[in-house]
């Protein structure tokens, strides 16, 4: 794929034109989309992992066709693809936009009942009176930034799904706007909505060649203005601990309780290198699941670090702990299965850093201050960038993803639509 795109695009859309964007379109879409249960699940063997994602994909494919996009199809793997042909004669790079359909496996995505808080006053928001679930600026101080703004929240019983149905709604709204305003010049645009991003499988079956973009953006970030081209290096470790079960009445000197052995592994890792104790560029070990009996226990960890060398050292540390504990408790008491999930996309983005600076210009043209921040996680772009498609990450506007305190300001969604349109317009003319 050709990556020599020439000088930085400098065309800025007319600000007066952008002011006619309608918030109602993106909000209406988002409120409709979050009601689809698309929670992904790690342990299922199907692709995608849950049938709700396929059903949602069918809906999105139909909407794309109704909007007038071409080459719309839902693949057998649950990926929705579409294209919007250029309306200009000169050749410019094809830009792509990607968002994911699934919601986190950590909390139910069924029966989502979003609530709209008009003209937020800066005080506690009671999400649910019974039980008493409160979204408080004392616990979530970023709320104070949105005094006077309209917010969409959960009802305190489910997640909201702004990660990443906000991204889908924002892309769809931008496409509708372009189709309703053919006077806005644009090159070829490629669209994809992926399943199972939350379980690391979003682009397992992504067809980069058929997608046909020179570069892309995932619309899957956080607060308004966030722009990311760095992600963690990521791996998963499953530590299986073998015990021996006998009747507890005659257990002395015979029973080996695998749950207690597993505790020895947990204690061997640094207590100050967890998600709850790290920030910024600090990596961590994160225990995500324990399943155990006296006979056998399995610990599931995710391992994260931005630095490739430290990432390798973290994986080595896991292996060394297993060896040390086996030496103490007997061979094969501990076994580890370790596999890499994705890598820091920075190395793939830096050679084409122009796509980051173009996004920064697009934000500034929308009156949004760019906030360059590393993603303390991953996006589909992490793997797409290593598949030959450089893909930084744009904000959606959402906060507190994956939980019942998730919320999104409506104006942030409108700004995300505007930024997408700015990127498209800027890419249509290279000066």
Protein backbone atom coordinates (compact mmCIF):
# COMPACT_ATOMS: atom_id res chain seq x y z
CA UNK A 1 0.00 0.00 0.00
CA UNK A 2 1.43 3.36 -1.02
CA UNK A 3 2.17 5.57 1.98
CA UNK A 4 3.74 8.57 0.25
CA UNK A 5 0.85 10.97 0.38
CA UNK A 6 2.74 14.19 -0.23
CA UNK A 7 2.46 17.42 1.80
CA UNK A 8 0.08 17.77 4.70
CA UNK A 9 -3.55 18.50 3.72
CA UNK A 10 -4.41 22.12 4.51
CA UNK A 11 -7.99 22.57 3.33
CA UNK A 12 -10.23 23.66 6.19
CA UNK A 13 -13.99 23.33 5.80
CA UNK A 14 -16.08 26.47 6.04
CA UNK A 15 -16.92 26.85 9.73
CA UNK A 16 -20.28 28.37 8.86
CA UNK A 17 -21.20 25.23 6.94
CA UNK A 18 -20.33 23.02 9.90
CA UNK A 19 -22.64 24.90 12.24
CA UNK A 20 -25.72 23.38 10.56
CA UNK A 21 -24.92 19.92 11.92
CA UNK A 22 -27.90 18.55 13.81
CA UNK A 23 -27.21 16.97 17.17
CA UNK A 24 -30.57 15.20 17.04
CA UNK A 25 -29.34 12.84 14.31
CA UNK A 26 -26.34 11.50 16.20
CA UNK A 27 -28.18 11.36 19.52
CA UNK A 28 -31.17 9.57 18.00
CA UNK A 29 -28.93 6.98 16.41
CA UNK A 30 -26.95 6.44 19.57
CA UNK A 31 -30.04 6.03 21.76
CA UNK A 32 -31.39 3.48 19.29
CA UNK A 33 -28.15 1.55 18.92
CA UNK A 34 -27.48 1.07 22.64
CA UNK A 35 -30.68 -0.92 22.99
CA UNK A 36 -29.18 -3.75 20.94
CA UNK A 37 -27.55 -6.36 23.17
CA UNK A 38 -24.13 -6.89 21.61
CA UNK A 39 -22.13 -7.94 24.66
CA UNK A 40 -19.21 -10.14 23.58
CA UNK A 41 -18.07 -13.23 25.49
CA UNK A 42 -14.54 -14.58 25.81
CA UNK A 43 -15.31 -18.26 26.22
CA UNK A 44 -17.72 -18.94 23.35
CA UNK A 45 -16.40 -20.68 20.25
CA UNK A 46 -18.55 -18.88 17.68
CA UNK A 47 -17.50 -16.02 15.37
CA UNK A 48 -18.65 -13.48 16.32
CA UNK A 49 -18.86 -14.57 19.93
CA UNK A 50 -22.55 -13.66 20.38
CA UNK A 51 -25.54 -13.68 17.99
CA UNK A 52 -26.61 -10.18 18.99
CA UNK A 53 -23.62 -8.76 17.15
CA UNK A 54 -24.73 -10.39 13.91
CA UNK A 55 -28.23 -9.03 14.31
CA UNK A 56 -26.88 -5.53 14.92
CA UNK A 57 -24.57 -5.92 11.92
CA UNK A 58 -27.57 -6.71 9.74
CA UNK A 59 -29.28 -3.54 10.93
CA UNK A 60 -26.22 -1.41 10.23
CA UNK A 61 -25.71 -2.92 6.78
CA UNK A 62 -29.32 -2.15 5.90
CA UNK A 63 -28.96 1.44 7.14
CA UNK A 64 -25.80 1.91 5.09
CA UNK A 65 -27.60 0.67 1.98
CA UNK A 66 -30.53 2.99 2.66
CA UNK A 67 -28.14 5.92 3.03
CA UNK A 68 -26.78 5.16 -0.43
CA UNK A 69 -23.36 3.65 0.24
CA UNK A 70 -21.94 1.07 -2.13
CA UNK A 71 -20.37 -2.38 -1.76
CA UNK A 72 -22.21 -2.87 1.52
CA UNK A 73 -21.95 -6.35 2.94
CA UNK A 74 -21.90 -8.25 6.20
CA UNK A 75 -19.17 -10.87 6.13
CA UNK A 76 -19.58 -14.37 7.51
CA UNK A 77 -17.35 -13.24 10.38
CA UNK A 78 -19.68 -10.40 11.38
CA UNK A 79 -17.71 -7.48 9.91
CA UNK A 80 -19.80 -4.80 8.15
CA UNK A 81 -18.07 -3.13 5.18
CA UNK A 82 -19.19 -0.22 3.00
CA UNK A 83 -17.76 2.38 0.63
CA UNK A 84 -18.67 5.92 -0.34
CA UNK A 85 -17.21 6.73 -3.79
CA UNK A 86 -15.36 10.00 -4.35
CA UNK A 87 -17.17 13.01 -5.79
CA UNK A 88 -13.94 14.61 -7.06
CA UNK A 89 -11.94 13.87 -10.19
CA UNK A 90 -8.39 14.12 -8.84
CA UNK A 91 -6.86 11.21 -6.94
CA UNK A 92 -6.46 11.51 -3.19
CA UNK A 93 -5.81 8.88 -0.50
CA UNK A 94 -8.72 6.71 0.55
CA UNK A 95 -9.53 7.32 4.22
CA UNK A 96 -11.25 4.72 6.37
CA UNK A 97 -13.27 4.87 9.58
CA UNK A 98 -13.71 1.91 11.91
CA UNK A 99 -15.81 1.34 15.04
CA UNK A 100 -16.79 -1.81 16.90
CA UNK A 101 -20.24 -3.20 17.56
CA UNK A 102 -19.69 -5.20 20.75
CA UNK A 103 -19.83 -4.02 24.33
CA UNK A 104 -17.69 -5.20 27.23
CA UNK A 105 -18.07 -8.75 28.55
CA UNK A 106 -17.64 -7.36 32.08
CA UNK A 107 -21.21 -6.04 32.47
CA UNK A 108 -24.47 -6.83 30.74
CA UNK A 109 -25.36 -4.96 27.57
CA UNK A 110 -28.97 -6.19 27.65
CA UNK A 111 -31.93 -3.96 28.53
CA UNK A 112 -29.88 -0.77 28.39
CA UNK A 113 -32.14 2.10 29.41
CA UNK A 114 -30.30 5.37 28.69
CA UNK A 115 -31.28 8.55 30.50
CA UNK A 116 -30.80 12.14 29.32
CA UNK A 117 -29.73 14.74 31.86
CA UNK A 118 -30.52 18.18 30.48
CA UNK A 119 -28.40 21.20 31.41
CA UNK A 120 -26.33 19.35 34.01
CA UNK A 121 -26.07 21.44 37.18
CA UNK A 122 -22.81 20.04 38.57
CA UNK A 123 -24.39 18.04 41.40
CA UNK A 124 -24.89 14.33 42.00
CA UNK A 125 -26.90 12.47 39.37
CA UNK A 126 -29.12 9.76 40.83
CA UNK A 127 -29.00 7.02 38.22
CA UNK A 128 -31.23 4.64 40.14
CA UNK A 129 -33.13 5.23 43.38
CA UNK A 130 -33.45 1.53 44.21
CA UNK A 131 -30.68 0.65 44.74
CA UNK A 132 -29.16 4.04 45.39
CA UNK A 133 -26.74 4.36 42.46
CA UNK A 134 -25.28 7.88 42.17
CA UNK A 135 -22.97 9.38 39.56
CA UNK A 136 -21.10 11.90 41.67
CA UNK A 137 -18.56 14.59 40.69
CA UNK A 138 -16.75 13.78 43.94
CA UNK A 139 -15.93 10.32 42.58
CA UNK A 140 -15.82 11.37 38.92
CA UNK A 141 -14.50 14.97 38.92
CA UNK A 142 -14.53 15.17 35.11
CA UNK A 143 -18.29 15.75 35.41
CA UNK A 144 -17.52 19.33 36.47
CA UNK A 145 -16.31 20.03 32.93
CA UNK A 146 -19.82 19.50 31.63
CA UNK A 147 -21.88 21.85 33.76
CA UNK A 148 -24.58 23.30 31.52
CA UNK A 149 -24.27 20.46 29.01
CA UNK A 150 -26.70 17.66 28.20
CA UNK A 151 -25.49 14.20 29.23
CA UNK A 152 -26.57 10.66 28.42
CA UNK A 153 -26.15 8.24 31.33
CA UNK A 154 -27.12 4.70 32.28
CA UNK A 155 -29.98 3.85 34.64
CA UNK A 156 -27.46 2.38 37.07
CA UNK A 157 -28.09 -1.28 36.19
CA UNK A 158 -26.12 -1.79 32.98
CA UNK A 159 -23.31 -0.20 31.03
CA UNK A 160 -24.27 2.43 28.46
CA UNK A 161 -22.44 1.17 25.39
CA UNK A 162 -20.87 4.44 24.25
CA UNK A 163 -17.83 2.18 23.82
CA UNK A 164 -18.33 1.93 20.94
CA UNK A 165 -21.86 2.57 19.71
CA UNK A 166 -21.14 6.27 20.03
CA UNK A 167 -18.40 5.79 17.43
CA UNK A 168 -20.80 3.98 15.10
CA UNK A 169 -23.46 6.68 15.52
CA UNK A 170 -20.92 9.41 14.83
CA UNK A 171 -19.61 7.75 11.66
CA UNK A 172 -23.13 7.07 10.38
CA UNK A 173 -24.21 10.65 11.03
CA UNK A 174 -21.17 12.02 9.21
CA UNK A 175 -21.94 9.79 6.21
CA UNK A 176 -25.57 10.93 6.14
CA UNK A 177 -24.42 14.54 6.25
CA UNK A 178 -22.04 14.04 3.34
CA UNK A 179 -24.71 12.36 1.25
CA UNK A 180 -27.14 15.18 1.97
CA UNK A 181 -24.49 17.78 1.04
CA UNK A 182 -22.88 16.64 -2.22
CA UNK A 183 -21.24 20.05 -2.57
CA UNK A 184 -18.68 18.96 0.06
CA UNK A 185 -15.72 17.45 -1.83
CA UNK A 186 -14.43 14.08 -0.68
CA UNK A 187 -12.32 11.21 -1.89
CA UNK A 188 -13.15 7.54 -1.56
CA UNK A 189 -14.22 6.60 1.97
CA UNK A 190 -14.13 3.10 3.44
CA UNK A 191 -16.25 2.08 6.44
CA UNK A 192 -16.07 -0.98 8.69
CA UNK A 193 -17.89 -2.00 11.85
CA UNK A 194 -16.23 -4.91 13.66
CA UNK A 195 -17.37 -7.48 16.24
CA UNK A 196 -15.58 -8.74 19.34
CA UNK A 197 -13.13 -5.88 19.75
CA UNK A 198 -13.59 -6.04 23.52
CA UNK A 199 -12.24 -9.59 23.63
CA UNK A 200 -9.33 -8.82 21.32
CA UNK A 201 -10.76 -10.54 18.24
CA UNK A 202 -12.17 -7.54 16.36
CA UNK A 203 -9.90 -7.85 13.33
CA UNK A 204 -9.12 -11.57 13.40
CA UNK A 205 -10.93 -11.84 10.07
CA UNK A 206 -10.64 -8.27 8.78
CA UNK A 207 -10.00 -8.02 5.03
CA UNK A 208 -7.58 -5.08 4.74
CA UNK A 209 -7.28 -5.42 0.97
CA UNK A 210 -11.04 -5.37 0.43
CA UNK A 211 -11.39 -2.45 2.86
CA UNK A 212 -9.20 -0.56 0.44
CA UNK A 213 -8.09 2.40 2.56
CA UNK A 214 -4.63 3.98 2.58
CA UNK A 215 -5.06 4.87 6.25
CA UNK A 216 -7.92 4.83 8.73
CA UNK A 217 -9.11 6.05 12.10
CA UNK A 218 -10.86 4.08 14.78
CA UNK A 219 -13.56 6.21 16.40
CA UNK A 220 -13.25 4.51 19.76
CA UNK A 221 -11.61 6.97 22.15
CA UNK A 222 -12.65 8.77 25.31
CA UNK A 223 -13.20 12.40 26.23
CA UNK A 224 -13.66 15.10 23.62
CA UNK A 225 -10.34 15.97 21.98
CA UNK A 226 -8.53 12.71 22.73
CA UNK A 227 -6.31 11.50 19.90
CA UNK A 228 -4.12 8.45 20.32
CA UNK A 229 -1.45 6.76 18.26
CA UNK A 230 0.13 4.77 21.11
CA UNK A 231 -1.33 1.68 22.75
CA UNK A 232 -0.10 -0.96 25.13
CA UNK A 233 1.74 -4.06 24.05
CA UNK A 234 -0.58 -6.75 25.32
CA UNK A 235 -0.51 -10.42 26.29
CA UNK A 236 -2.74 -12.86 28.17
CA UNK A 237 -1.49 -15.47 30.61
CA UNK A 238 -3.50 -18.42 31.89
CA UNK A 239 -1.87 -19.99 34.92
CA UNK A 240 -3.22 -23.46 35.74
CA UNK A 241 -2.55 -24.74 39.24
CA UNK A 242 -2.85 -28.47 39.95
CA UNK A 243 -3.86 -29.68 43.40
CA UNK A 244 -5.02 -32.98 44.93
CA UNK A 245 -8.45 -33.47 46.40
CA UNK A 246 -9.16 -35.97 49.15
CA UNK A 247 -11.73 -36.15 51.92
CA UNK A 248 -10.98 -33.30 54.37
CA UNK A 249 -11.33 -35.71 57.28
CA UNK A 250 -8.23 -37.61 56.16
CA UNK A 251 -6.44 -34.82 54.36
CA UNK A 252 -3.40 -34.27 56.55
CA UNK A 253 -0.22 -34.61 54.50
CA UNK A 254 -2.18 -35.67 51.43
CA UNK A 255 -4.45 -32.85 50.26
CA UNK A 256 -2.98 -30.13 48.05
CA UNK A 257 -5.37 -27.21 47.80
CA UNK A 258 -4.82 -25.59 44.40
CA UNK A 259 -6.64 -22.43 45.49
CA UNK A 260 -4.07 -21.85 48.23
CA UNK A 261 -1.22 -22.58 45.82
CA UNK A 262 -2.72 -20.05 43.43
CA UNK A 263 -2.51 -17.46 46.18
CA UNK A 264 1.25 -17.98 46.25
CA UNK A 265 1.41 -17.04 42.56
CA UNK A 266 -0.72 -13.95 43.13
CA UNK A 267 1.51 -12.85 46.01
CA UNK A 268 4.64 -13.26 43.87
CA UNK A 269 3.68 -10.41 41.52
CA UNK A 270 4.37 -6.77 42.46
CA UNK A 271 1.42 -5.34 44.38
CA UNK A 272 2.06 -1.84 43.02
CA UNK A 273 1.88 -2.88 39.35
CA UNK A 274 -1.85 -3.30 38.86
CA UNK A 275 -4.36 -1.12 36.97
CA UNK A 276 -5.49 0.43 40.26
CA UNK A 277 -1.97 1.62 41.10
CA UNK A 278 -0.64 2.77 37.70
CA UNK A 279 -1.28 5.53 35.18
CA UNK A 280 0.18 7.19 32.09
CA UNK A 281 2.93 5.08 30.55
CA UNK A 282 3.16 2.66 33.49
CA UNK A 283 2.47 -0.99 32.70
CA UNK A 284 0.79 -3.61 34.88
CA UNK A 285 -0.28 -7.17 35.58
CA UNK A 286 -4.05 -7.49 35.87
CA UNK A 287 -5.77 -10.53 37.38
CA UNK A 288 -9.07 -10.68 35.51
CA UNK A 289 -10.50 -14.04 36.55
CA UNK A 290 -10.13 -16.85 39.07
CA UNK A 291 -11.85 -20.20 38.70
CA UNK A 292 -10.93 -22.88 41.15
CA UNK A 293 -11.56 -25.96 43.22
CA UNK A 294 -9.28 -27.88 45.55
CA UNK A 295 -8.25 -30.01 42.56
CA UNK A 296 -7.52 -27.29 39.99
CA UNK A 297 -7.46 -23.49 39.80
CA UNK A 298 -6.99 -21.22 36.80
CA UNK A 299 -5.79 -17.63 37.04
CA UNK A 300 -6.24 -15.36 34.01
CA UNK A 301 -3.99 -12.32 33.72
CA UNK A 302 -3.56 -9.62 31.15
CA UNK A 303 -0.06 -8.12 30.85
CA UNK A 304 0.39 -4.59 29.54
CA UNK A 305 3.29 -2.25 28.82
CA UNK A 306 4.08 0.49 26.29
CA UNK A 307 7.79 -0.35 26.16
CA UNK A 308 8.54 -3.46 24.07
CA UNK A 309 11.56 -4.46 26.19
CA UNK A 310 9.71 -4.09 29.50
CA UNK A 311 6.77 -5.97 27.98
CA UNK A 312 9.10 -8.89 27.21
CA UNK A 313 10.50 -8.73 30.74
CA UNK A 314 7.01 -8.88 32.22
CA UNK A 315 6.29 -12.09 30.32
CA UNK A 316 9.61 -13.53 31.45
CA UNK A 317 8.70 -12.67 35.05
CA UNK A 318 5.55 -14.79 34.78
CA UNK A 319 7.57 -17.75 33.49
CA UNK A 320 10.20 -17.38 36.24
CA UNK A 321 7.55 -17.35 38.97
CA UNK A 322 6.06 -20.56 37.55
CA UNK A 323 9.51 -22.20 37.53
CA UNK A 324 10.24 -21.08 41.09
CA UNK A 325 6.92 -22.34 42.43
CA UNK A 326 7.28 -25.66 40.62
CA UNK A 327 10.68 -26.10 42.23
CA UNK A 328 9.05 -25.59 45.63
CA UNK A 329 5.77 -27.47 45.21
CA UNK A 330 6.66 -30.11 42.67
CA UNK A 331 6.93 -30.38 38.88
CA UNK A 332 3.83 -29.44 36.92
CA UNK A 333 2.09 -27.91 39.94
CA UNK A 334 1.96 -24.72 37.86
CA UNK A 335 1.62 -24.42 34.10
CA UNK A 336 1.28 -21.23 32.09
CA UNK A 337 -0.16 -20.58 28.64
CA UNK A 338 0.93 -17.17 27.40
CA UNK A 339 0.09 -15.49 24.10
CA UNK A 340 0.49 -12.00 22.69
CA UNK A 341 -2.71 -10.11 21.85
CA UNK A 342 -1.54 -6.89 20.16
CA UNK A 343 1.36 -4.45 20.01
CA UNK A 344 1.95 -0.73 20.42
CA UNK A 345 0.85 0.80 17.12
CA UNK A 346 3.21 3.76 17.57
CA UNK A 347 5.94 2.05 15.54
CA UNK A 348 3.59 1.77 12.57
CA UNK A 349 2.14 5.27 12.89
CA UNK A 350 5.35 7.29 13.22
CA UNK A 351 6.43 6.76 9.58
CA UNK A 352 3.09 8.29 8.47
CA UNK A 353 2.69 10.75 11.34
CA UNK A 354 1.00 13.14 8.93
CA UNK A 355 -2.29 11.29 9.56
CA UNK A 356 -2.02 12.30 13.22
CA UNK A 357 -1.28 15.94 12.46
CA UNK A 358 -4.16 16.01 9.98
CA UNK A 359 -6.50 14.80 12.71
CA UNK A 360 -5.16 17.50 15.02
CA UNK A 361 -5.92 20.14 12.39
CA UNK A 362 -9.40 18.69 11.95
CA UNK A 363 -10.03 19.01 15.68
CA UNK A 364 -8.78 22.58 15.80
CA UNK A 365 -11.03 23.46 12.87
CA UNK A 366 -13.94 22.13 14.95
CA UNK A 367 -12.94 24.26 17.94
CA UNK A 368 -11.60 21.20 19.81
CA UNK A 369 -8.23 21.24 21.55
CA UNK A 370 -6.34 18.03 20.62
CA UNK A 371 -5.29 15.92 23.60
CA UNK A 372 -2.55 13.49 22.56
CA UNK A 373 -2.74 10.64 25.03
CA UNK A 374 -1.63 7.02 25.02
CA UNK A 375 -4.40 4.43 25.11
CA UNK A 376 -4.08 2.39 28.28
CA UNK A 377 -5.56 -0.52 26.41
CA UNK A 378 -5.91 -1.36 22.75
CA UNK A 379 -8.13 -0.66 19.80
CA UNK A 380 -8.78 -2.45 16.54
CA UNK A 381 -6.23 0.03 15.22
CA UNK A 382 -3.49 -1.63 17.29
CA UNK A 383 -3.64 -4.72 15.13
CA UNK A 384 -4.76 -3.04 11.90
CA UNK A 385 -1.64 -0.90 11.99
CA UNK A 386 0.48 -4.07 11.98
CA UNK A 387 -1.66 -5.47 9.16
CA UNK A 388 -0.58 -2.62 6.88
CA UNK A 389 -3.34 -0.13 7.66
CA UNK A 390 -2.08 2.73 9.89
CA UNK A 391 -4.99 3.51 12.19
CA UNK A 392 -4.85 6.12 15.00
CA UNK A 393 -7.76 6.52 17.40
CA UNK A 394 -10.24 9.43 17.60
CA UNK A 395 -12.43 10.39 20.55
CA UNK A 396 -16.12 9.52 20.82
CA UNK A 397 -16.72 11.69 23.92
CA UNK A 398 -17.52 8.85 26.31
CA UNK A 399 -16.43 8.44 29.94
CA UNK A 400 -16.24 5.53 32.40
CA UNK A 401 -16.55 2.78 29.78
CA UNK A 402 -17.49 -0.78 30.74
CA UNK A 403 -19.52 0.13 33.81
CA UNK A 404 -22.79 1.47 35.18
CA UNK A 405 -21.28 4.95 35.65
CA UNK A 406 -20.65 5.35 31.93
CA UNK A 407 -21.84 8.63 30.40
CA UNK A 408 -21.36 10.76 27.33
CA UNK A 409 -21.98 14.50 26.75
CA UNK A 410 -24.20 15.10 23.73
CA UNK A 411 -22.10 18.02 22.48
CA UNK A 412 -19.02 15.75 22.39
CA UNK A 413 -20.78 13.42 19.98
CA UNK A 414 -21.62 16.37 17.76
CA UNK A 415 -17.96 17.47 17.83
CA UNK A 416 -16.85 13.96 16.88
CA UNK A 417 -19.09 14.10 13.80
CA UNK A 418 -17.62 17.47 12.90
CA UNK A 419 -14.06 16.18 13.25
CA UNK A 420 -14.81 13.20 11.01
CA UNK A 421 -16.22 15.54 8.37
CA UNK A 422 -13.21 17.82 8.68
CA UNK A 423 -10.80 14.92 8.15
CA UNK A 424 -12.73 13.85 5.06
CA UNK A 425 -12.85 17.36 3.63
CA UNK A 426 -9.18 18.03 4.34
CA UNK A 427 -8.20 14.77 2.68
CA UNK A 428 -9.99 15.82 -0.53
CA UNK A 429 -7.43 18.49 -1.39
CA UNK A 430 -3.66 18.39 -1.05
CA UNK A 431 -2.00 21.78 -1.51
